[in-house]
PDB file of N, CA and C in Angstrom:
ATOM      1  N   UNK A   1     134.069  91.799 121.647  1.00  0.00           N
ATOM      2  CA  UNK A   1     133.258  91.912 121.529  1.00  0.00           C
ATOM      3  C   UNK A   1     132.546  93.416 120.599  1.00  0.00           C
ATOM      4  N   UNK A   2     132.601  93.115 119.715  1.00  0.00           N
ATOM      5  CA  UNK A   2     132.231  94.685 118.559  1.00  0.00           C
ATOM      6  C   UNK A   2     131.028  94.094 117.867  1.00  0.00           C
ATOM      7  N   UNK A   3     130.398  95.889 118.035  1.00  0.00           N
ATOM      8  CA  UNK A   3     129.321  95.971 117.624  1.00  0.00           C
ATOM      9  C   UNK A   3     128.819  97.191 116.843  1.00  0.00           C
ATOM     10  N   UNK A   4     129.259  97.613 115.784  1.00  0.00           N
ATOM     11  CA  UNK A   4     128.964  98.863 114.478  1.00  0.00           C
ATOM     12  C   UNK A   4     128.231  98.857 114.789  1.00  0.00           C
ATOM     13  N   UNK A   5     127.248  99.955 114.664  1.00  0.00           N
ATOM     14  CA  UNK A   5     125.937  99.845 114.287  1.00  0.00           C
ATOM     15  C   UNK A   5     125.704 101.290 113.751  1.00  0.00           C
ATOM     16  N   UNK A   6     124.374 102.049 113.116  1.00  0.00           N
ATOM     17  CA  UNK A   6     124.525 103.243 112.342  1.00  0.00           C
ATOM     18  C   UNK A   6     124.946 104.591 113.175  1.00  0.00           C
ATOM     19  N   UNK A   7     124.646 103.763 115.421  1.00  0.00           N
ATOM     20  CA  UNK A   7     124.530 105.122 115.870  1.00  0.00           C
ATOM     21  C   UNK A   7     126.086 104.809 116.332  1.00  0.00           C
ATOM     22  N   UNK A   8     127.014 104.082 115.468  1.00  0.00           N
ATOM     23  CA  UNK A   8     128.536 104.390 117.113  1.00  0.00           C
ATOM     24  C   UNK A   8     128.895 102.777 117.148  1.00  0.00           C
ATOM     25  N   UNK A   9     129.425 102.792 118.294  1.00  0.00           N
ATOM     26  CA  UNK A   9     130.632 101.324 118.145  1.00  0.00           C
ATOM     27  C   UNK A   9     129.782 101.179 119.790  1.00  0.00           C
ATOM     28  N   UNK A  10     129.678  99.691 120.056  1.00  0.00           N
ATOM     29  CA  UNK A  10     128.829  99.267 120.511  1.00  0.00           C
ATOM     30  C   UNK A  10     130.019  98.025 121.303  1.00  0.00           C
ATOM     31  N   UNK A  11     129.608  98.010 122.429  1.00  0.00           N
ATOM     32  CA  UNK A  11     130.384  96.525 122.969  1.00  0.00           C
ATOM     33  C   UNK A  11     130.148  96.221 123.580  1.00  0.00           C
ATOM     34  N   UNK A  12     130.451  94.736 123.483  1.00  0.00           N
ATOM     35  CA  UNK A  12     129.893  93.311 123.901  1.00  0.00           C
ATOM     36  C   UNK A  12     130.753  92.966 125.525  1.00  0.00           C
ATOM     37  N   UNK A  13     129.984  92.607 125.874  1.00  0.00           N
ATOM     38  CA  UNK A  13     130.614  91.025 126.623  1.00  0.00           C
ATOM     39  C   UNK A  13     129.935  89.800 127.039  1.00  0.00           C
ATOM     40  N   UNK A  14     130.874  88.434 127.099  1.00  0.00           N
ATOM     41  CA  UNK A  14     129.273  87.862 127.234  1.00  0.00           C
ATOM     42  C   UNK A  14     131.114  86.593 128.230  1.00  0.00           C
ATOM     43  N   UNK A  15     129.782  86.280 129.114  1.00  0.00           N
ATOM     44  CA  UNK A  15     130.463  85.473 130.493  1.00  0.00           C
ATOM     45  C   UNK A  15     129.817  84.633 130.844  1.00  0.00           C
ATOM     46  N   UNK A  16     130.289  83.330 130.420  1.00  0.00           N
ATOM     47  CA  UNK A  16     129.103  81.993 131.042  1.00  0.00           C
ATOM     48  C   UNK A  16     129.285  81.609 133.037  1.00  0.00           C
ATOM     49  N   UNK A  17     129.785  82.457 133.768  1.00  0.00           N
ATOM     50  CA  UNK A  17     129.321  81.398 134.705  1.00  0.00           C
ATOM     51  C   UNK A  17     128.330  81.231 135.859  1.00  0.00           C
ATOM     52  N   UNK A  18     128.859  80.229 136.447  1.00  0.00           N
ATOM     53  CA  UNK A  18     127.529  80.021 138.087  1.00  0.00           C
ATOM     54  C   UNK A  18     127.328  80.588 138.591  1.00  0.00           C
ATOM     55  N   UNK A  19     128.316  81.528 139.205  1.00  0.00           N
ATOM     56  CA  UNK A  19     128.762  83.226 140.085  1.00  0.00           C
ATOM     57  C   UNK A  19     127.911  84.228 139.691  1.00  0.00           C
ATOM     58  N   UNK A  20     127.583  84.632 139.955  1.00  0.00           N
ATOM     59  CA  UNK A  20     126.741  85.881 139.650  1.00  0.00           C
ATOM     60  C   UNK A  20     127.922  86.969 138.955  1.00  0.00           C
ATOM     61  N   UNK A  21     128.497  87.576 137.956  1.00  0.00           N
ATOM     62  CA  UNK A  21     129.014  88.588 137.520  1.00  0.00           C
ATOM     63  C   UNK A  21     129.569  89.785 138.256  1.00  0.00           C
ATOM     64  N   UNK A  22     130.746  89.892 139.010  1.00  0.00           N
ATOM     65  CA  UNK A  22     131.151  90.965 139.578  1.00  0.00           C
ATOM     66  C   UNK A  22     131.406  92.457 139.052  1.00  0.00           C
ATOM     67  N   UNK A  23     131.968  93.277 139.935  1.00  0.00           N
ATOM     68  CA  UNK A  23     131.483  94.600 139.479  1.00  0.00           C
ATOM     69  C   UNK A  23     132.914  94.724 138.655  1.00  0.00           C
ATOM     70  N   UNK A  24     134.296  93.685 138.349  1.00  0.00           N
ATOM     71  CA  UNK A  24     135.238  94.215 137.789  1.00  0.00           C
ATOM     72  C   UNK A  24     135.051  93.605 136.448  1.00  0.00           C
ATOM     73  N   UNK A  25     134.941  92.877 136.037  1.00  0.00           N
ATOM     74  CA  UNK A  25     134.417  92.374 134.674  1.00  0.00           C
ATOM     75  C   UNK A  25     133.382  93.917 133.907  1.00  0.00           C
ATOM     76  N   UNK A  26     132.294  94.515 134.841  1.00  0.00           N
ATOM     77  CA  UNK A  26     131.984  95.704 134.298  1.00  0.00           C
ATOM     78  C   UNK A  26     132.742  97.259 134.416  1.00  0.00           C
ATOM     79  N   UNK A  27     133.857  97.224 135.097  1.00  0.00           N
ATOM     80  CA  UNK A  27     134.210  98.119 135.332  1.00  0.00           C
ATOM     81  C   UNK A  27     135.634  97.975 134.262  1.00  0.00           C
ATOM     82  N   UNK A  28     135.943  96.148 133.432  1.00  0.00           N
ATOM     83  CA  UNK A  28     136.794  96.171 132.660  1.00  0.00           C
ATOM     84  C   UNK A  28     135.660  96.708 131.443  1.00  0.00           C
ATOM     85  N   UNK A  29     135.050  96.811 131.517  1.00  0.00           N
ATOM     86  CA  UNK A  29     134.196  97.063 130.020  1.00  0.00           C
ATOM     87  C   UNK A  29     134.451  98.596 129.967  1.00  0.00           C
ATOM     88  N   UNK A  30     133.888  99.476 130.752  1.00  0.00           N
ATOM     89  CA  UNK A  30     133.813 100.509 131.248  1.00  0.00           C
ATOM     90  C   UNK A  30     134.704 101.428 130.632  1.00  0.00           C
ATOM     91  N   UNK A  31     136.119 100.613 131.001  1.00  0.00           N
ATOM     92  CA  UNK A  31     137.289 101.126 130.966  1.00  0.00           C
ATOM     93  C   UNK A  31     137.566 101.018 129.394  1.00  0.00           C
ATOM     94  N   UNK A  32     137.196  99.915 128.262  1.00  0.00           N
ATOM     95  CA  UNK A  32     137.246  99.452 127.265  1.00  0.00           C
ATOM     96  C   UNK A  32     135.955 100.700 126.600  1.00  0.00           C
ATOM     97  N   UNK A  33     135.391 100.893 127.285  1.00  0.00           N
ATOM     98  CA  UNK A  33     134.416 101.826 125.768  1.00  0.00           C
ATOM     99  C   UNK A  33     134.822 102.995 126.421  1.00  0.00           C
ATOM    100  N   UNK A  34     135.367 103.184 127.039  1.00  0.00           N
ATOM    101  CA  UNK A  34     136.238 104.552 127.529  1.00  0.00           C
ATOM    102  C   UNK A  34     137.271 105.048 126.078  1.00  0.00           C
ATOM    103  N   UNK A  35     138.578 103.513 126.385  1.00  0.00           N
ATOM    104  CA  UNK A  35     139.478 103.476 125.719  1.00  0.00           C
ATOM    105  C   UNK A  35     139.231 104.286 123.728  1.00  0.00           C
ATOM    106  N   UNK A  36     137.768 103.197 123.481  1.00  0.00           N
ATOM    107  CA  UNK A  36     138.311 103.479 122.012  1.00  0.00           C
ATOM    108  C   UNK A  36     136.502 104.117 122.069  1.00  0.00           C
ATOM    109  N   UNK A  37     135.800 104.795 123.270  1.00  0.00           N
ATOM    110  CA  UNK A  37     135.402 105.517 122.421  1.00  0.00           C
ATOM    111  C   UNK A  37     133.830 104.917 121.412  1.00  0.00           C
ATOM    112  N   UNK A  38     133.355 104.495 122.312  1.00  0.00           N
ATOM    113  CA  UNK A  38     131.766 103.170 121.728  1.00  0.00           C
ATOM    114  C   UNK A  38     131.270 104.389 122.603  1.00  0.00           C
ATOM    115  N   UNK A  39     129.806 104.331 121.969  1.00  0.00           N
ATOM    116  CA  UNK A  39     128.903 104.291 122.328  1.00  0.00           C
ATOM    117  C   UNK A  39     128.169 104.419 123.688  1.00  0.00           C
ATOM    118  N   UNK A  40     128.477 102.528 123.756  1.00  0.00           N
ATOM    119  CA  UNK A  40     128.210 102.044 125.355  1.00  0.00           C
ATOM    120  C   UNK A  40     128.383 100.383 124.611  1.00  0.00           C
ATOM    121  N   UNK A  41     127.858  99.852 126.179  1.00  0.00           N
ATOM    122  CA  UNK A  41     127.659  98.347 126.054  1.00  0.00           C
ATOM    123  C   UNK A  41     126.902  97.451 126.889  1.00  0.00           C
ATOM    124  N   UNK A  42     126.914  96.826 126.651  1.00  0.00           N
ATOM    125  CA  UNK A  42     126.519  95.616 126.884  1.00  0.00           C
ATOM    126  C   UNK A  42     127.125  94.228 127.251  1.00  0.00           C
ATOM    127  N   UNK A  43     126.738  93.865 128.854  1.00  0.00           N
ATOM    128  CA  UNK A  43     127.256  92.699 129.428  1.00  0.00           C
ATOM    129  C   UNK A  43     126.384  91.101 129.213  1.00  0.00           C
ATOM    130  N   UNK A  44     126.799  90.483 129.303  1.00  0.00           N
ATOM    131  CA  UNK A  44     125.763  89.180 129.283  1.00  0.00           C
ATOM    132  C   UNK A  44     126.181  87.974 129.982  1.00  0.00           C
ATOM    133  N   UNK A  45     125.308  87.724 130.265  1.00  0.00           N
ATOM    134  CA  UNK A  45     125.909  86.073 131.290  1.00  0.00           C
ATOM    135  C   UNK A  45     124.497  84.853 131.901  1.00  0.00           C
ATOM    136  N   UNK A  46     125.174  84.556 131.756  1.00  0.00           N
ATOM    137  CA  UNK A  46     124.495  82.641 132.126  1.00  0.00           C
ATOM    138  C   UNK A  46     123.504  82.937 133.139  1.00  0.00           C
ATOM    139  N   UNK A  47     124.782  83.476 134.332  1.00  0.00           N
ATOM    140  CA  UNK A  47     123.850  83.893 135.930  1.00  0.00           C
ATOM    141  C   UNK A  47     123.336  85.414 136.125  1.00  0.00           C
ATOM    142  N   UNK A  48     123.711  86.316 136.662  1.00  0.00           N
ATOM    143  CA  UNK A  48     122.984  87.031 137.416  1.00  0.00           C
ATOM    144  C   UNK A  48     124.101  88.086 137.374  1.00  0.00           C
ATOM    145  N   UNK A  49     124.072  89.095 138.025  1.00  0.00           N
ATOM    146  CA  UNK A  49     124.720  90.646 138.142  1.00  0.00           C
ATOM    147  C   UNK A  49     125.006  90.338 140.162  1.00  0.00           C
ATOM    148  N   UNK A  50     126.172  90.755 140.912  1.00  0.00           N
ATOM    149  CA  UNK A  50     125.963  91.396 141.694  1.00  0.00           C
ATOM    150  C   UNK A  50     125.380  92.820 141.697  1.00  0.00           C
ATOM    151  N   UNK A  51     124.544  93.084 143.806  1.00  0.00           N
ATOM    152  CA  UNK A  51     124.609  94.991 143.308  1.00  0.00           C
ATOM    153  C   UNK A  51     125.135  95.596 143.198  1.00  0.00           C
ATOM    154  N   UNK A  52     126.468  95.272 143.546  1.00  0.00           N
ATOM    155  CA  UNK A  52     128.199  95.908 143.121  1.00  0.00           C
ATOM    156  C   UNK A  52     127.928  96.202 141.616  1.00  0.00           C
ATOM    157  N   UNK A  53     127.456  95.542 140.884  1.00  0.00           N
ATOM    158  CA  UNK A  53     128.255  95.176 139.205  1.00  0.00           C
ATOM    159  C   UNK A  53     126.865  95.769 138.738  1.00  0.00           C
ATOM    160  N   UNK A  54     125.464  95.666 138.912  1.00  0.00           N
ATOM    161  CA  UNK A  54     124.613  95.935 138.957  1.00  0.00           C
ATOM    162  C   UNK A  54     124.301  98.045 139.258  1.00  0.00           C
ATOM    163  N   UNK A  55     124.794  98.577 140.011  1.00  0.00           N
ATOM    164  CA  UNK A  55     125.064  99.506 140.241  1.00  0.00           C
ATOM    165  C   UNK A  55     126.306 100.190 139.598  1.00  0.00           C
ATOM    166  N   UNK A  56     127.022  99.843 139.339  1.00  0.00           N
ATOM    167  CA  UNK A  56     127.721 100.576 138.243  1.00  0.00           C
ATOM    168  C   UNK A  56     127.683 100.553 137.149  1.00  0.00           C
ATOM    169  N   UNK A  57     126.785  99.635 136.924  1.00  0.00           N
ATOM    170  CA  UNK A  57     126.318  99.493 135.517  1.00  0.00           C
ATOM    171  C   UNK A  57     125.351 101.424 135.290  1.00  0.00           C
ATOM    172  N   UNK A  58     124.363 100.984 135.905  1.00  0.00           N
ATOM    173  CA  UNK A  58     123.919 101.991 135.964  1.00  0.00           C
ATOM    174  C   UNK A  58     123.863 103.034 136.233  1.00  0.00           C
ATOM    175  N   UNK A  59     125.196 103.398 136.620  1.00  0.00           N
ATOM    176  CA  UNK A  59     125.598 104.297 136.350  1.00  0.00           C
ATOM    177  C   UNK A  59     126.861 105.046 135.085  1.00  0.00           C
ATOM    178  N   UNK A  60     127.425 104.103 134.932  1.00  0.00           N
ATOM    179  CA  UNK A  60     128.291 104.469 134.013  1.00  0.00           C
ATOM    180  C   UNK A  60     127.002 103.968 132.531  1.00  0.00           C
ATOM    181  N   UNK A  61     125.551 104.071 132.310  1.00  0.00           N
ATOM    182  CA  UNK A  61     124.874 103.341 131.724  1.00  0.00           C
ATOM    183  C   UNK A  61     125.197 102.637 130.675  1.00  0.00           C
ATOM    184  N   UNK A  62     125.280 100.917 131.243  1.00  0.00           N
ATOM    185  CA  UNK A  62     125.924  99.583 130.337  1.00  0.00           C
ATOM    186  C   UNK A  62     124.257  99.072 130.491  1.00  0.00           C
ATOM    187  N   UNK A  63     124.199  98.533 129.995  1.00  0.00           N
ATOM    188  CA  UNK A  63     122.640  97.348 130.220  1.00  0.00           C
ATOM    189  C   UNK A  63     123.712  96.053 130.471  1.00  0.00           C
ATOM    190  N   UNK A  64     123.221  95.460 131.363  1.00  0.00           N
ATOM    191  CA  UNK A  64     123.447  94.259 131.174  1.00  0.00           C
ATOM    192  C   UNK A  64     122.288  93.382 131.145  1.00  0.00           C
ATOM    193  N   UNK A  65     122.327  92.096 130.695  1.00  0.00           N
ATOM    194  CA  UNK A  65     121.564  90.734 130.930  1.00  0.00           C
ATOM    195  C   UNK A  65     122.101  89.835 130.832  1.00  0.00           C
ATOM    196  N   UNK A  66     120.918  89.070 132.305  1.00  0.00           N
ATOM    197  CA  UNK A  66     121.128  88.080 132.972  1.00  0.00           C
ATOM    198  C   UNK A  66     120.825  86.941 131.996  1.00  0.00           C
ATOM    199  N   UNK A  67     120.720  85.765 132.555  1.00  0.00           N
ATOM    200  CA  UNK A  67     120.427  84.808 132.128  1.00  0.00           C
ATOM    201  C   UNK A  67     118.626  84.324 132.230  1.00  0.00           C
ATOM    202  N   UNK A  68     118.029  84.587 132.843  1.00  0.00           N
ATOM    203  CA  UNK A  68     116.545  85.073 132.419  1.00  0.00           C
ATOM    204  C   UNK A  68     115.918  85.976 131.744  1.00  0.00           C
ATOM    205  N   UNK A  69     117.023  87.286 131.363  1.00  0.00           N
ATOM    206  CA  UNK A  69     116.567  87.943 130.296  1.00  0.00           C
ATOM    207  C   UNK A  69     117.161  87.383 128.558  1.00  0.00           C
ATOM    208  N   UNK A  70     118.054  86.526 129.074  1.00  0.00           N
ATOM    209  CA  UNK A  70     118.637  85.393 127.156  1.00  0.00           C
ATOM    210  C   UNK A  70     117.908  84.470 127.132  1.00  0.00           C
ATOM    211  N   UNK A  71     116.629  84.174 128.256  1.00  0.00           N
ATOM    212  CA  UNK A  71     116.176  82.964 128.138  1.00  0.00           C
ATOM    213  C   UNK A  71     114.883  83.746 127.566  1.00  0.00           C
ATOM    214  N   UNK A  72     114.237  84.512 127.682  1.00  0.00           N
ATOM    215  CA  UNK A  72     113.755  85.939 127.525  1.00  0.00           C
ATOM    216  C   UNK A  72     113.913  86.226 126.116  1.00  0.00           C
ATOM    217  N   UNK A  73     114.685  87.059 125.299  1.00  0.00           N
ATOM    218  CA  UNK A  73     114.378  87.166 124.401  1.00  0.00           C
ATOM    219  C   UNK A  73     114.729  85.545 123.888  1.00  0.00           C
ATOM    220  N   UNK A  74     115.192  84.646 123.331  1.00  0.00           N
ATOM    221  CA  UNK A  74     116.267  83.818 122.981  1.00  0.00           C
ATOM    222  C   UNK A  74     114.658  83.090 122.883  1.00  0.00           C
ATOM    223  N   UNK A  75     114.026  83.128 123.371  1.00  0.00           N
ATOM    224  CA  UNK A  75     112.642  81.994 123.475  1.00  0.00           C
ATOM    225  C   UNK A  75     112.212  82.077 122.337  1.00  0.00           C
ATOM    226  N   UNK A  76     111.835  83.306 121.901  1.00  0.00           N
ATOM    227  CA  UNK A  76     110.400  83.556 120.958  1.00  0.00           C
ATOM    228  C   UNK A  76     111.667  82.461 119.273  1.00  0.00           C
ATOM    229  N   UNK A  77     112.779  83.236 119.429  1.00  0.00           N
ATOM    230  CA  UNK A  77     113.966  83.122 118.207  1.00  0.00           C
ATOM    231  C   UNK A  77     113.703  80.875 118.461  1.00  0.00           C
ATOM    232  N   UNK A  78     114.028  80.275 118.926  1.00  0.00           N
ATOM    233  CA  UNK A  78     113.855  78.776 119.453  1.00  0.00           C
ATOM    234  C   UNK A  78     112.179  78.461 119.096  1.00  0.00           C
ATOM    235  N   UNK A  79     111.148  79.209 119.801  1.00  0.00           N
ATOM    236  CA  UNK A  79     110.717  78.463 119.284  1.00  0.00           C
ATOM    237  C   UNK A  79     110.307  78.234 117.597  1.00  0.00           C
ATOM    238  N   UNK A  80     110.743  79.647 117.750  1.00  0.00           N
ATOM    239  CA  UNK A  80     110.211  79.877 115.877  1.00  0.00           C
ATOM    240  C   UNK A  80     111.144  79.095 114.999  1.00  0.00           C
ATOM    241  N   UNK A  81     111.811  78.782 115.496  1.00  0.00           N
ATOM    242  CA  UNK A  81     112.663  77.416 114.620  1.00  0.00           C
ATOM    243  C   UNK A  81     112.366  76.047 115.093  1.00  0.00           C
ATOM    244  N   UNK A  82     111.435  75.624 116.128  1.00  0.00           N
ATOM    245  CA  UNK A  82     110.668  74.217 116.086  1.00  0.00           C
ATOM    246  C   UNK A  82     110.181  74.300 115.938  1.00  0.00           C
ATOM    247  N   UNK A  83     109.344  75.739 115.614  1.00  0.00           N
ATOM    248  CA  UNK A  83     108.331  75.290 114.460  1.00  0.00           C
ATOM    249  C   UNK A  83     108.537  75.346 113.205  1.00  0.00           C
ATOM    250  N   UNK A  84     109.722  75.575 112.582  1.00  0.00           N
ATOM    251  CA  UNK A  84     109.693  75.542 110.944  1.00  0.00           C
ATOM    252  C   UNK A  84     110.620  74.391 111.143  1.00  0.00           C
ATOM    253  N   UNK A  85     111.146  73.660 111.569  1.00  0.00           N
ATOM    254  CA  UNK A  85     111.785  72.408 111.593  1.00  0.00           C
ATOM    255  C   UNK A  85     110.395  71.050 111.475  1.00  0.00           C
ATOM    256  N   UNK A  86     109.043  71.319 112.545  1.00  0.00           N
ATOM    257  CA  UNK A  86     107.779  70.899 113.079  1.00  0.00           C
ATOM    258  C   UNK A  86     107.680  70.522 111.504  1.00  0.00           C
ATOM    259  N   UNK A  87     107.417  71.595 110.358  1.00  0.00           N
ATOM    260  CA  UNK A  87     107.120  72.215 109.589  1.00  0.00           C
ATOM    261  C   UNK A  87     108.115  71.051 108.077  1.00  0.00           C
ATOM    262  N   UNK A  88     108.970  70.770 108.236  1.00  0.00           N
ATOM    263  CA  UNK A  88     110.222  70.229 107.320  1.00  0.00           C
ATOM    264  C   UNK A  88     110.050  68.854 107.576  1.00  0.00           C
ATOM    265  N   UNK A  89     109.730  67.886 108.712  1.00  0.00           N
ATOM    266  CA  UNK A  89     109.731  66.817 110.103  1.00  0.00           C
ATOM    267  C   UNK A  89     107.926  66.498 109.152  1.00  0.00           C
ATOM    268  N   UNK A  90     107.192  67.379 108.761  1.00  0.00           N
ATOM    269  CA  UNK A  90     105.712  66.561 108.561  1.00  0.00           C
ATOM    270  C   UNK A  90     106.016  66.740 107.022  1.00  0.00           C
ATOM    271  N   UNK A  91     106.728  67.370 106.058  1.00  0.00           N
ATOM    272  CA  UNK A  91     106.697  67.770 104.655  1.00  0.00           C
ATOM    273  C   UNK A  91     107.603  65.962 104.576  1.00  0.00           C
ATOM    274  N   UNK A  92     108.692  65.617 105.406  1.00  0.00           N
ATOM    275  CA  UNK A  92     109.124  64.250 104.754  1.00  0.00           C
ATOM    276  C   UNK A  92     108.412  63.259 104.819  1.00  0.00           C
ATOM    277  N   UNK A  93     107.179  63.307 105.625  1.00  0.00           N
ATOM    278  CA  UNK A  93     106.867  62.276 106.274  1.00  0.00           C
ATOM    279  C   UNK A  93     105.947  61.848 105.664  1.00  0.00           C
ATOM    280  N   UNK A  94     105.165  63.107 104.478  1.00  0.00           N
ATOM    281  CA  UNK A  94     104.256  62.963 103.452  1.00  0.00           C
ATOM    282  C   UNK A  94     104.619  62.663 102.213  1.00  0.00           C
ATOM    283  N   UNK A  95     106.016  62.567 102.002  1.00  0.00           N
ATOM    284  CA  UNK A  95     106.679  62.051 100.787  1.00  0.00           C
ATOM    285  C   UNK A  95     107.374  60.966 100.872  1.00  0.00           C
ATOM    286  N   UNK A  96     107.100  59.997 102.283  1.00  0.00           N
ATOM    287  CA  UNK A  96     107.383  58.939 102.461  1.00  0.00           C
ATOM    288  C   UNK A  96     106.609  57.243 102.790  1.00  0.00           C
ATOM    289  N   UNK A  97     104.956  57.674 101.892  1.00  0.00           N
ATOM    290  CA  UNK A  97     103.641  56.821 102.641  1.00  0.00           C
ATOM    291  C   UNK A  97     104.601  55.218 103.231  1.00  0.00           C
ATOM    292  N   UNK A  98     105.618  55.158 101.860  1.00  0.00           N
ATOM    293  CA  UNK A  98     105.388  53.508 102.383  1.00  0.00           C
ATOM    294  C   UNK A  98     105.981  53.625 103.127  1.00  0.00           C
ATOM    295  N   UNK A  99     106.720  54.326 104.543  1.00  0.00           N
ATOM    296  CA  UNK A  99     107.631  53.607 105.031  1.00  0.00           C
ATOM    297  C   UNK A  99     106.828  53.444 106.204  1.00  0.00           C
ATOM    298  N   UNK A 100     106.643  52.161 106.835  1.00  0.00           N
ATOM    299  CA  UNK A 100     106.068  52.472 108.031  1.00  0.00           C
ATOM    300  C   UNK A 100     107.028  52.135 108.889  1.00  0.00           C
ATOM    301  N   UNK A 101     105.996  52.161 110.607  1.00  0.00           N
ATOM    302  CA  UNK A 101     107.006  52.092 111.888  1.00  0.00           C
ATOM    303  C   UNK A 101     107.850  50.743 111.689  1.00  0.00           C
ATOM    304  N   UNK A 102     108.435  50.956 111.866  1.00  0.00           N
ATOM    305  CA  UNK A 102     108.814  50.039 113.518  1.00  0.00           C
ATOM    306  C   UNK A 102     108.480  48.788 113.870  1.00  0.00           C
TER     307      UNK A 102
END
């Protein structure tokens, strides 16, 4: 996936793995960054990363986001969505005073 920002092109790779992501996907995205003259890249996974993958990513300045970080980033968004939906449900119930629970 490509993400064009005002400061350049960033490449993103998403992996839905049960096992930790190895060195290979990190090397592949780094190769694409070089070929496409991108600014940098991110590899995001639902699992984790092997120590070799982490070491290589650090050397070539790639951001790694593991499953725990993903939940951390996504949690505030989901809480906001749940809060907004709660208000919608309360509003709907307020307008239906004649409805009684079964």
